Amino acid sequence: MGSTFASVSITIEVESAEMHQKALSEALPKDNVGFNVKNGPVKDHRQIDSGYPPVLHYHTAYVACKFAELKEKIDCHSGKKLGDGPKLLKSSDAAIVDMVLEC
């Protein structure tokens, strides 16, 4: 089965998909799915852009939200601004973002 990753616009082969360690043949909206891919560069999948949907852990609650806008990229050590409105963030980047709740 093939899957397209929107943030990097590449399609790669998915070997398997699972939810709570059980194999899936189909996923529905809001399912939390893990999957294994092959023949795809791992470094390209670690990019984050507007619309990225993290799940925040707030005390004992899980809050679904999404990044509405990437405001500015900052240096994670000094906190100094590196640029306005970045298109993508990569692993180890720090940024200020606007988030909205997913209801």
PDB file of N, CA and C in Angstrom:
ATOM      1  N   MET A   1       0.854  -1.163   0.000  1.00  0.00           N
ATOM      2  CA  MET A   1       0.000   0.000   0.000  1.00  0.00           C
ATOM      3  C   MET A   1       0.899   1.224   0.000  1.00  0.00           C
ATOM      4  N   GLY A   2       0.526   2.253  -0.743  1.00  0.00           N
ATOM      5  CA  GLY A   2       1.297   3.477  -0.818  1.00  0.00           C
ATOM      6  C   GLY A   2       0.685   4.560   0.048  1.00  0.00           C
ATOM      7  N   SER A   3       1.502   5.477   0.500  1.00  0.00           N
ATOM      8  CA  SER A   3       1.022   6.591   1.312  1.00  0.00           C
ATOM      9  C   SER A   3       1.761   7.851   0.890  1.00  0.00           C
ATOM     10  N   THR A   4       1.039   8.971   0.807  1.00  0.00           N
ATOM     11  CA  THR A   4       1.648  10.241   0.448  1.00  0.00           C
ATOM     12  C   THR A   4       1.768  11.114   1.684  1.00  0.00           C
ATOM     13  N   PHE A   5       2.963  11.624   1.927  1.00  0.00           N
ATOM     14  CA  PHE A   5       3.200  12.522   3.042  1.00  0.00           C
ATOM     15  C   PHE A   5       3.103  13.948   2.514  1.00  0.00           C
ATOM     16  N   ALA A   6       2.090  14.665   2.979  1.00  0.00           N
ATOM     17  CA  ALA A   6       1.790  15.986   2.426  1.00  0.00           C
ATOM     18  C   ALA A   6       2.893  17.000   2.667  1.00  0.00           C
ATOM     19  N   SER A   7       3.551  16.939   3.826  1.00  0.00           N
ATOM     20  CA  SER A   7       4.538  17.976   4.127  1.00  0.00           C
ATOM     21  C   SER A   7       5.744  17.938   3.200  1.00  0.00           C
ATOM     22  N   VAL A   8       6.040  16.774   2.619  1.00  0.00           N
ATOM     23  CA  VAL A   8       7.185  16.684   1.715  1.00  0.00           C
ATOM     24  C   VAL A   8       6.793  16.210   0.324  1.00  0.00           C
ATOM     25  N   SER A   9       5.516  15.936   0.105  1.00  0.00           N
ATOM     26  CA  SER A   9       4.964  15.549  -1.200  1.00  0.00           C
ATOM     27  C   SER A   9       5.684  14.363  -1.833  1.00  0.00           C
ATOM     28  N   ILE A  10       5.915  13.317  -1.043  1.00  0.00           N
ATOM     29  CA  ILE A  10       6.480  12.100  -1.595  1.00  0.00           C
ATOM     30  C   ILE A  10       5.565  10.930  -1.247  1.00  0.00           C
ATOM     31  N   THR A  11       5.565   9.927  -2.103  1.00  0.00           N
ATOM     32  CA  THR A  11       4.778   8.723  -1.878  1.00  0.00           C
ATOM     33  C   THR A  11       5.738   7.560  -1.662  1.00  0.00           C
ATOM     34  N   ILE A  12       5.526   6.811  -0.576  1.00  0.00           N
ATOM     35  CA  ILE A  12       6.371   5.659  -0.286  1.00  0.00           C
ATOM     36  C   ILE A  12       5.494   4.468   0.077  1.00  0.00           C
ATOM     37  N   GLU A  13       6.101   3.291   0.082  1.00  0.00           N
ATOM     38  CA  GLU A  13       5.360   2.067   0.369  1.00  0.00           C
ATOM     39  C   GLU A  13       5.249   1.847   1.880  1.00  0.00           C
ATOM     40  N   VAL A  14       4.022   1.550   2.330  1.00  0.00           N
ATOM     41  CA  VAL A  14       3.774   1.250   3.732  1.00  0.00           C
ATOM     42  C   VAL A  14       3.752  -0.266   3.894  1.00  0.00           C
ATOM     43  N   GLU A  15       4.632  -0.795   4.748  1.00  0.00           N
ATOM     44  CA  GLU A  15       4.695  -2.239   4.974  1.00  0.00           C
ATOM     45  C   GLU A  15       3.548  -2.721   5.852  1.00  0.00           C
ATOM     46  N   SER A  16       3.268  -1.971   6.936  1.00  0.00           N
ATOM     47  CA  SER A  16       2.189  -2.373   7.833  1.00  0.00           C
ATOM     48  C   SER A  16       1.680  -1.164   8.601  1.00  0.00           C
ATOM     49  N   ALA A  17       0.431  -1.262   9.052  1.00  0.00           N
ATOM     50  CA  ALA A  17      -0.181  -0.219   9.881  1.00  0.00           C
ATOM     51  C   ALA A  17      -0.800  -0.891  11.088  1.00  0.00           C
ATOM     52  N   GLU A  18      -0.744  -0.211  12.228  1.00  0.00           N
ATOM     53  CA  GLU A  18      -1.313  -0.800  13.436  1.00  0.00           C
ATOM     54  C   GLU A  18      -1.853   0.279  14.359  1.00  0.00           C
ATOM     55  N   MET A  19      -2.788  -0.133  15.208  1.00  0.00           N
ATOM     56  CA  MET A  19      -3.338   0.745  16.235  1.00  0.00           C
ATOM     57  C   MET A  19      -3.372  -0.056  17.526  1.00  0.00           C
ATOM     58  N   HIS A  20      -2.709   0.431  18.552  1.00  0.00           N
ATOM     59  CA  HIS A  20      -2.604  -0.263  19.839  1.00  0.00           C
ATOM     60  C   HIS A  20      -2.064  -1.684  19.655  1.00  0.00           C
ATOM     61  N   GLN A  21      -1.027  -1.819  18.857  1.00  0.00           N
ATOM     62  CA  GLN A  21      -0.333  -3.067  18.552  1.00  0.00           C
ATOM     63  C   GLN A  21      -1.199  -4.127  17.876  1.00  0.00           C
ATOM     64  N   LYS A  22      -2.262  -3.694  17.190  1.00  0.00           N
ATOM     65  CA  LYS A  22      -3.097  -4.616  16.403  1.00  0.00           C
ATOM     66  C   LYS A  22      -3.079  -4.149  14.957  1.00  0.00           C
ATOM     67  N   ALA A  23      -2.895  -5.101  14.030  1.00  0.00           N
ATOM     68  CA  ALA A  23      -2.802  -4.777  12.609  1.00  0.00           C
ATOM     69  C   ALA A  23      -4.093  -4.152  12.100  1.00  0.00           C
ATOM     70  N   LEU A  24      -3.951  -3.183  11.197  1.00  0.00           N
ATOM     71  CA  LEU A  24      -5.094  -2.498  10.587  1.00  0.00           C
ATOM     72  C   LEU A  24      -5.040  -2.655   9.077  1.00  0.00           C
ATOM     73  N   SER A  25      -6.200  -2.787   8.462  1.00  0.00           N
ATOM     74  CA  SER A  25      -6.248  -2.752   7.007  1.00  0.00           C
ATOM     75  C   SER A  25      -6.781  -1.399   6.542  1.00  0.00           C
ATOM     76  N   GLU A  26      -7.445  -0.663   7.455  1.00  0.00           N
ATOM     77  CA  GLU A  26      -8.018   0.636   7.125  1.00  0.00           C
ATOM     78  C   GLU A  26      -8.038   1.495   8.381  1.00  0.00           C
ATOM     79  N   ALA A  27      -7.749   2.782   8.228  1.00  0.00           N
ATOM     80  CA  ALA A  27      -7.803   3.726   9.343  1.00  0.00           C
ATOM     81  C   ALA A  27      -8.877   4.766   9.061  1.00  0.00           C
ATOM     82  N   LEU A  28      -9.539   5.200  10.105  1.00  0.00           N
ATOM     83  CA  LEU A  28     -10.596   6.198   9.994  1.00  0.00           C
ATOM     84  C   LEU A  28     -10.116   7.514  10.594  1.00  0.00           C
ATOM     85  N   PRO A  29     -10.782   8.644  10.272  1.00  0.00           N
ATOM     86  CA  PRO A  29     -10.384   9.921  10.866  1.00  0.00           C
ATOM     87  C   PRO A  29     -10.335   9.826  12.387  1.00  0.00           C
ATOM     88  N   LYS A  30      -9.342  10.463  12.979  1.00  0.00           N
ATOM     89  CA  LYS A  30      -9.074  10.533  14.412  1.00  0.00           C
ATOM     90  C   LYS A  30      -8.499   9.252  14.997  1.00  0.00           C
ATOM     91  N   ASP A  31      -8.240   8.221  14.176  1.00  0.00           N
ATOM     92  CA  ASP A  31      -7.539   7.033  14.666  1.00  0.00           C
ATOM     93  C   ASP A  31      -6.075   7.382  14.882  1.00  0.00           C
ATOM     94  N   ASN A  32      -5.496   6.893  15.955  1.00  0.00           N
ATOM     95  CA  ASN A  32      -4.082   7.094  16.247  1.00  0.00           C
ATOM     96  C   ASN A  32      -3.344   5.871  15.718  1.00  0.00           C
ATOM     97  N   VAL A  33      -2.696   6.019  14.571  1.00  0.00           N
ATOM     98  CA  VAL A  33      -2.139   4.884  13.836  1.00  0.00           C
ATOM     99  C   VAL A  33      -0.623   4.992  13.759  1.00  0.00           C
ATOM    100  N   GLY A  34       0.039   3.860  13.958  1.00  0.00           N
ATOM    101  CA  GLY A  34       1.474   3.768  13.734  1.00  0.00           C
ATOM    102  C   GLY A  34       1.696   2.926  12.497  1.00  0.00           C
ATOM    103  N   PHE A  35       2.756   3.222  11.726  1.00  0.00           N
ATOM    104  CA  PHE A  35       2.999   2.439  10.521  1.00  0.00           C
ATOM    105  C   PHE A  35       4.479   2.341  10.223  1.00  0.00           C
ATOM    106  N   ASN A  36       4.822   1.295   9.499  1.00  0.00           N
ATOM    107  CA  ASN A  36       6.198   1.046   9.065  1.00  0.00           C
ATOM    108  C   ASN A  36       6.280   1.284   7.569  1.00  0.00           C
ATOM    109  N   VAL A  37       7.320   2.030   7.161  1.00  0.00           N
ATOM    110  CA  VAL A  37       7.497   2.335   5.744  1.00  0.00           C
ATOM    111  C   VAL A  37       8.844   1.792   5.280  1.00  0.00           C
ATOM    112  N   LYS A  38       8.974   1.621   3.972  1.00  0.00           N
ATOM    113  CA  LYS A  38      10.265   1.206   3.426  1.00  0.00           C
ATOM    114  C   LYS A  38      10.555   1.996   2.168  1.00  0.00           C
ATOM    115  N   ASN A  39      11.826   2.042   1.814  1.00  0.00           N
ATOM    116  CA  ASN A  39      12.301   2.732   0.615  1.00  0.00           C
ATOM    117  C   ASN A  39      11.986   4.221   0.612  1.00  0.00           C
ATOM    118  N   GLY A  40      12.066   4.841   1.776  1.00  0.00           N
ATOM    119  CA  GLY A  40      11.837   6.278   1.863  1.00  0.00           C
ATOM    120  C   GLY A  40      12.860   6.908   2.780  1.00  0.00           C
ATOM    121  N   PRO A  41      13.370   8.096   2.432  1.00  0.00           N
ATOM    122  CA  PRO A  41      14.371   8.745   3.281  1.00  0.00           C
ATOM    123  C   PRO A  41      13.741   9.221   4.588  1.00  0.00           C
ATOM    124  N   VAL A  42      14.241   8.727   5.705  1.00  0.00           N
ATOM    125  CA  VAL A  42      13.690   9.052   7.018  1.00  0.00           C
ATOM    126  C   VAL A  42      13.815  10.540   7.319  1.00  0.00           C
ATOM    127  N   LYS A  43      14.914  11.155   6.927  1.00  0.00           N
ATOM    128  CA  LYS A  43      15.128  12.566   7.273  1.00  0.00           C
ATOM    129  C   LYS A  43      14.061  13.477   6.672  1.00  0.00           C
ATOM    130  N   ASP A  44      13.456  13.099   5.537  1.00  0.00           N
ATOM    131  CA  ASP A  44      12.430  13.936   4.919  1.00  0.00           C
ATOM    132  C   ASP A  44      11.096  13.887   5.654  1.00  0.00           C
ATOM    133  N   HIS A  45      10.901  12.911   6.525  1.00  0.00           N
ATOM    134  CA  HIS A  45       9.629  12.782   7.227  1.00  0.00           C
ATOM    135  C   HIS A  45       9.609  13.522   8.551  1.00  0.00           C
ATOM    136  N   ARG A  46      10.688  14.155   8.887  1.00  0.00           N
ATOM    137  CA  ARG A  46      10.767  14.854  10.170  1.00  0.00           C
ATOM    138  C   ARG A  46      10.513  16.348  10.003  1.00  0.00           C
ATOM    139  N   GLN A  47       9.731  16.734   9.021  1.00  0.00           N
ATOM    140  CA  GLN A  47       9.430  18.150   8.796  1.00  0.00           C
ATOM    141  C   GLN A  47       8.036  18.466   9.290  1.00  0.00           C
ATOM    142  N   ILE A  48       7.879  19.648   9.863  1.00  0.00           N
ATOM    143  CA  ILE A  48       6.603  20.095  10.407  1.00  0.00           C
ATOM    144  C   ILE A  48       6.233  21.392   9.711  1.00  0.00           C
ATOM    145  N   ASP A  49       4.954  21.517   9.306  1.00  0.00           N
ATOM    146  CA  ASP A  49       4.489  22.757   8.701  1.00  0.00           C
ATOM    147  C   ASP A  49       3.131  23.122   9.291  1.00  0.00           C
ATOM    148  N   SER A  50       2.527  24.207   8.801  1.00  0.00           N
ATOM    149  CA  SER A  50       1.197  24.610   9.265  1.00  0.00           C
ATOM    150  C   SER A  50       0.230  23.465   9.030  1.00  0.00           C
ATOM    151  N   GLY A  51      -0.645  23.220   9.992  1.00  0.00           N
ATOM    152  CA  GLY A  51      -1.594  22.128   9.890  1.00  0.00           C
ATOM    153  C   GLY A  51      -1.143  20.876  10.614  1.00  0.00           C
ATOM    154  N   TYR A  52       0.110  20.855  11.107  1.00  0.00           N
ATOM    155  CA  TYR A  52       0.611  19.693  11.843  1.00  0.00           C
ATOM    156  C   TYR A  52      -0.249  19.486  13.095  1.00  0.00           C
ATOM    157  N   PRO A  53      -0.733  18.263  13.329  1.00  0.00           N
ATOM    158  CA  PRO A  53      -1.640  18.029  14.468  1.00  0.00           C
ATOM    159  C   PRO A  53      -1.008  17.316  15.664  1.00  0.00           C
ATOM    160  N   PRO A  54      -0.294  18.033  16.540  1.00  0.00           N
ATOM    161  CA  PRO A  54       0.239  17.358  17.726  1.00  0.00           C
ATOM    162  C   PRO A  54      -0.872  17.091  18.740  1.00  0.00           C
ATOM    163  N   VAL A  55      -0.628  16.181  19.647  1.00  0.00           N
ATOM    164  CA  VAL A  55      -1.537  15.960  20.771  1.00  0.00           C
ATOM    165  C   VAL A  55      -0.788  16.403  22.017  1.00  0.00           C
ATOM    166  N   LEU A  56      -1.327  17.385  22.722  1.00  0.00           N
ATOM    167  CA  LEU A  56      -0.691  17.909  23.924  1.00  0.00           C
ATOM    168  C   LEU A  56      -1.134  17.113  25.136  1.00  0.00           C
ATOM    169  N   HIS A  57      -0.213  16.851  26.043  1.00  0.00           N
ATOM    170  CA  HIS A  57      -0.519  16.177  27.295  1.00  0.00           C
ATOM    171  C   HIS A  57      -0.515  17.251  28.381  1.00  0.00           C
ATOM    172  N   TYR A  58      -1.688  17.550  28.911  1.00  0.00           N
ATOM    173  CA  TYR A  58      -1.839  18.615  29.891  1.00  0.00           C
ATOM    174  C   TYR A  58      -2.344  17.984  31.181  1.00  0.00           C
ATOM    175  N   HIS A  59      -1.469  17.815  32.147  1.00  0.00           N
ATOM    176  CA  HIS A  59      -1.748  17.077  33.381  1.00  0.00           C
ATOM    177  C   HIS A  59      -2.256  15.682  33.014  1.00  0.00           C
ATOM    178  N   THR A  60      -3.525  15.384  33.254  1.00  0.00           N
ATOM    179  CA  THR A  60      -4.055  14.054  32.924  1.00  0.00           C
ATOM    180  C   THR A  60      -4.903  14.067  31.660  1.00  0.00           C
ATOM    181  N   ALA A  61      -4.956  15.190  30.956  1.00  0.00           N
ATOM    182  CA  ALA A  61      -5.795  15.299  29.754  1.00  0.00           C
ATOM    183  C   ALA A  61      -4.938  15.264  28.490  1.00  0.00           C
ATOM    184  N   TYR A  62      -5.532  14.794  27.407  1.00  0.00           N
ATOM    185  CA  TYR A  62      -4.932  14.838  26.079  1.00  0.00           C
ATOM    186  C   TYR A  62      -5.730  15.846  25.263  1.00  0.00           C
ATOM    187  N   VAL A  63      -5.058  16.832  24.699  1.00  0.00           N
ATOM    188  CA  VAL A  63      -5.727  17.893  23.963  1.00  0.00           C
ATOM    189  C   VAL A  63      -5.274  17.857  22.505  1.00  0.00           C
ATOM    190  N   ALA A  64      -6.211  17.587  21.591  1.00  0.00           N
ATOM    191  CA  ALA A  64      -5.899  17.574  20.162  1.00  0.00           C
ATOM    192  C   ALA A  64      -5.924  19.005  19.639  1.00  0.00           C
ATOM    193  N   CYS A  65      -4.908  19.380  18.899  1.00  0.00           N
ATOM    194  CA  CYS A  65      -4.837  20.727  18.331  1.00  0.00           C
ATOM    195  C   CYS A  65      -4.089  20.645  17.009  1.00  0.00           C
ATOM    196  N   LYS A  66      -3.909  21.776  16.361  1.00  0.00           N
ATOM    197  CA  LYS A  66      -3.074  21.814  15.163  1.00  0.00           C
ATOM    198  C   LYS A  66      -2.349  23.146  15.100  1.00  0.00           C
ATOM    199  N   PHE A  67      -1.220  23.147  14.400  1.00  0.00           N
ATOM    200  CA  PHE A  67      -0.455  24.372  14.224  1.00  0.00           C
ATOM    201  C   PHE A  67      -1.159  25.207  13.162  1.00  0.00           C
ATOM    202  N   ALA A  68      -1.720  26.334  13.564  1.00  0.00           N
ATOM    203  CA  ALA A  68      -2.397  27.213  12.616  1.00  0.00           C
ATOM    204  C   ALA A  68      -1.385  28.012  11.803  1.00  0.00           C
ATOM    205  N   GLU A  69      -0.316  28.451  12.475  1.00  0.00           N
ATOM    206  CA  GLU A  69       0.683  29.276  11.778  1.00  0.00           C
ATOM    207  C   GLU A  69       2.032  29.136  12.465  1.00  0.00           C
ATOM    208  N   LEU A  70       3.073  29.015  11.683  1.00  0.00           N
ATOM    209  CA  LEU A  70       4.430  29.056  12.213  1.00  0.00           C
ATOM    210  C   LEU A  70       4.851  30.522  12.214  1.00  0.00           C
ATOM    211  N   LYS A  71       4.930  31.134  13.389  1.00  0.00           N
ATOM    212  CA  LYS A  71       5.177  32.573  13.498  1.00  0.00           C
ATOM    213  C   LYS A  71       6.642  32.942  13.265  1.00  0.00           C
ATOM    214  N   GLU A  72       7.527  32.328  14.044  1.00  0.00           N
ATOM    215  CA  GLU A  72       8.945  32.638  13.883  1.00  0.00           C
ATOM    216  C   GLU A  72       9.811  31.487  14.369  1.00  0.00           C
ATOM    217  N   LYS A  73      10.943  31.345  13.735  1.00  0.00           N
ATOM    218  CA  LYS A  73      11.922  30.331  14.126  1.00  0.00           C
ATOM    219  C   LYS A  73      12.889  30.989  15.096  1.00  0.00           C
ATOM    220  N   ILE A  74      13.214  30.267  16.183  1.00  0.00           N
ATOM    221  CA  ILE A  74      14.103  30.839  17.188  1.00  0.00           C
ATOM    222  C   ILE A  74      15.257  29.884  17.468  1.00  0.00           C
ATOM    223  N   ASP A  75      16.342  30.439  17.995  1.00  0.00           N
ATOM    224  CA  ASP A  75      17.477  29.631  18.424  1.00  0.00           C
ATOM    225  C   ASP A  75      17.110  28.992  19.756  1.00  0.00           C
ATOM    226  N   CYS A  76      17.194  27.671  19.830  1.00  0.00           N
ATOM    227  CA  CYS A  76      16.740  26.976  21.038  1.00  0.00           C
ATOM    228  C   CYS A  76      17.653  27.212  22.243  1.00  0.00           C
ATOM    229  N   HIS A  77      18.874  27.674  22.025  1.00  0.00           N
ATOM    230  CA  HIS A  77      19.784  27.916  23.138  1.00  0.00           C
ATOM    231  C   HIS A  77      19.689  29.345  23.668  1.00  0.00           C
ATOM    232  N   SER A  78      19.620  30.316  22.775  1.00  0.00           N
ATOM    233  CA  SER A  78      19.615  31.713  23.204  1.00  0.00           C
ATOM    234  C   SER A  78      18.216  32.330  23.216  1.00  0.00           C
ATOM    235  N   GLY A  79      17.281  31.749  22.462  1.00  0.00           N
ATOM    236  CA  GLY A  79      15.936  32.313  22.365  1.00  0.00           C
ATOM    237  C   GLY A  79      15.835  33.456  21.368  1.00  0.00           C
ATOM    238  N   LYS A  80      16.932  33.751  20.658  1.00  0.00           N
ATOM    239  CA  LYS A  80      16.924  34.844  19.680  1.00  0.00           C
ATOM    240  C   LYS A  80      16.180  34.433  18.420  1.00  0.00           C
ATOM    241  N   LYS A  81      15.488  35.392  17.830  1.00  0.00           N
ATOM    242  CA  LYS A  81      14.731  35.153  16.604  1.00  0.00           C
ATOM    243  C   LYS A  81      15.663  34.935  15.425  1.00  0.00           C
ATOM    244  N   LEU A  82      15.397  33.844  14.656  1.00  0.00           N
ATOM    245  CA  LEU A  82      16.211  33.538  13.479  1.00  0.00           C
ATOM    246  C   LEU A  82      15.507  33.911  12.178  1.00  0.00           C
ATOM    247  N   GLY A  83      14.185  34.077  12.227  1.00  0.00           N
ATOM    248  CA  GLY A  83      13.462  34.431  11.022  1.00  0.00           C
ATOM    249  C   GLY A  83      11.963  34.390  11.238  1.00  0.00           C
ATOM    250  N   ASP A  84      11.234  35.119  10.394  1.00  0.00           N
ATOM    251  CA  ASP A  84       9.773  35.163  10.470  1.00  0.00           C
ATOM    252  C   ASP A  84       9.145  34.171   9.512  1.00  0.00           C
ATOM    253  N   GLY A  85       8.008  33.604   9.911  1.00  0.00           N
ATOM    254  CA  GLY A  85       7.183  32.766   9.050  1.00  0.00           C
ATOM    255  C   GLY A  85       7.892  31.647   8.332  1.00  0.00           C
ATOM    256  N   PRO A  86       8.582  30.748   9.040  1.00  0.00           N
ATOM    257  CA  PRO A  86       9.246  29.647   8.335  1.00  0.00           C
ATOM    258  C   PRO A  86       8.222  28.740   7.659  1.00  0.00           C
ATOM    259  N   LYS A  87       8.590  28.164   6.531  1.00  0.00           N
ATOM    260  CA  LYS A  87       7.696  27.244   5.810  1.00  0.00           C
ATOM    261  C   LYS A  87       7.639  25.888   6.501  1.00  0.00           C
ATOM    262  N   LEU A  88       8.811  25.410   6.971  1.00  0.00           N
ATOM    263  CA  LEU A  88       8.924  24.089   7.602  1.00  0.00           C
ATOM    264  C   LEU A  88       9.820  24.168   8.828  1.00  0.00           C
ATOM    265  N   LEU A  89       9.598  23.229   9.748  1.00  0.00           N
ATOM    266  CA  LEU A  89      10.500  23.033  10.876  1.00  0.00           C
ATOM    267  C   LEU A  89      11.035  21.616  10.789  1.00  0.00           C
ATOM    268  N   LYS A  90      12.274  21.435  11.187  1.00  0.00           N
ATOM    269  CA  LYS A  90      12.896  20.113  11.180  1.00  0.00           C
ATOM    270  C   LYS A  90      13.184  19.694  12.611  1.00  0.00           C
ATOM    271  N   SER A  91      13.579  18.458  12.762  1.00  0.00           N
ATOM    272  CA  SER A  91      13.940  17.935  14.071  1.00  0.00           C
ATOM    273  C   SER A  91      14.991  18.842  14.706  1.00  0.00           C
ATOM    274  N   SER A  92      14.822  19.168  15.951  1.00  0.00           N
ATOM    275  CA  SER A  92      15.691  20.015  16.777  1.00  0.00           C
ATOM    276  C   SER A  92      15.497  21.517  16.534  1.00  0.00           C
ATOM    277  N   ASP A  93      14.582  21.932  15.636  1.00  0.00           N
ATOM    278  CA  ASP A  93      14.267  23.350  15.464  1.00  0.00           C
ATOM    279  C   ASP A  93      13.351  23.803  16.608  1.00  0.00           C
ATOM    280  N   ALA A  94      13.428  25.081  16.935  1.00  0.00           N
ATOM    281  CA  ALA A  94      12.531  25.677  17.915  1.00  0.00           C
ATOM    282  C   ALA A  94      11.780  26.812  17.227  1.00  0.00           C
ATOM    283  N   ALA A  95      10.520  27.006  17.616  1.00  0.00           N
ATOM    284  CA  ALA A  95       9.712  28.037  16.967  1.00  0.00           C
ATOM    285  C   ALA A  95       8.595  28.509  17.872  1.00  0.00           C
ATOM    286  N   ILE A  96       8.067  29.658  17.529  1.00  0.00           N
ATOM    287  CA  ILE A  96       6.850  30.156  18.154  1.00  0.00           C
ATOM    288  C   ILE A  96       5.739  29.930  17.152  1.00  0.00           C
ATOM    289  N   VAL A  97       4.668  29.254  17.605  1.00  0.00           N
ATOM    290  CA  VAL A  97       3.568  28.900  16.710  1.00  0.00           C
ATOM    291  C   VAL A  97       2.224  29.281  17.318  1.00  0.00           C
ATOM    292  N   ASP A  98       1.244  29.542  16.452  1.00  0.00           N
ATOM    293  CA  ASP A  98      -0.149  29.699  16.876  1.00  0.00           C
ATOM    294  C   ASP A  98      -0.808  28.344  16.741  1.00  0.00           C
ATOM    295  N   MET A  99      -1.482  27.894  17.811  1.00  0.00           N
ATOM    296  CA  MET A  99      -2.175  26.604  17.778  1.00  0.00           C
ATOM    297  C   MET A  99      -3.661  26.820  18.011  1.00  0.00           C
ATOM    298  N   VAL A 100      -4.483  25.985  17.379  1.00  0.00           N
ATOM    299  CA  VAL A 100      -5.929  26.024  17.587  1.00  0.00           C
ATOM    300  C   VAL A 100      -6.393  24.630  17.994  1.00  0.00           C
ATOM    301  N   LEU A 101      -7.455  24.584  18.773  1.00  0.00           N
ATOM    302  CA  LEU A 101      -8.008  23.303  19.211  1.00  0.00           C
ATOM    303  C   LEU A 101      -8.679  22.573  18.066  1.00  0.00           C
ATOM    304  N   GLU A 102      -8.557  21.267  18.043  1.00  0.00           N
ATOM    305  CA  GLU A 102      -9.252  20.410  17.095  1.00  0.00           C
ATOM    306  C   GLU A 102     -10.465  19.847  17.816  1.00  0.00           C
ATOM    307  N   CYS A 103     -11.630  20.261  17.443  1.00  0.00           N
ATOM    308  CA  CYS A 103     -12.834  19.777  18.122  1.00  0.00           C
ATOM    309  C   CYS A 103     -13.640  18.867  17.225  1.00  0.00           C
TER     310      CYS A 103
END
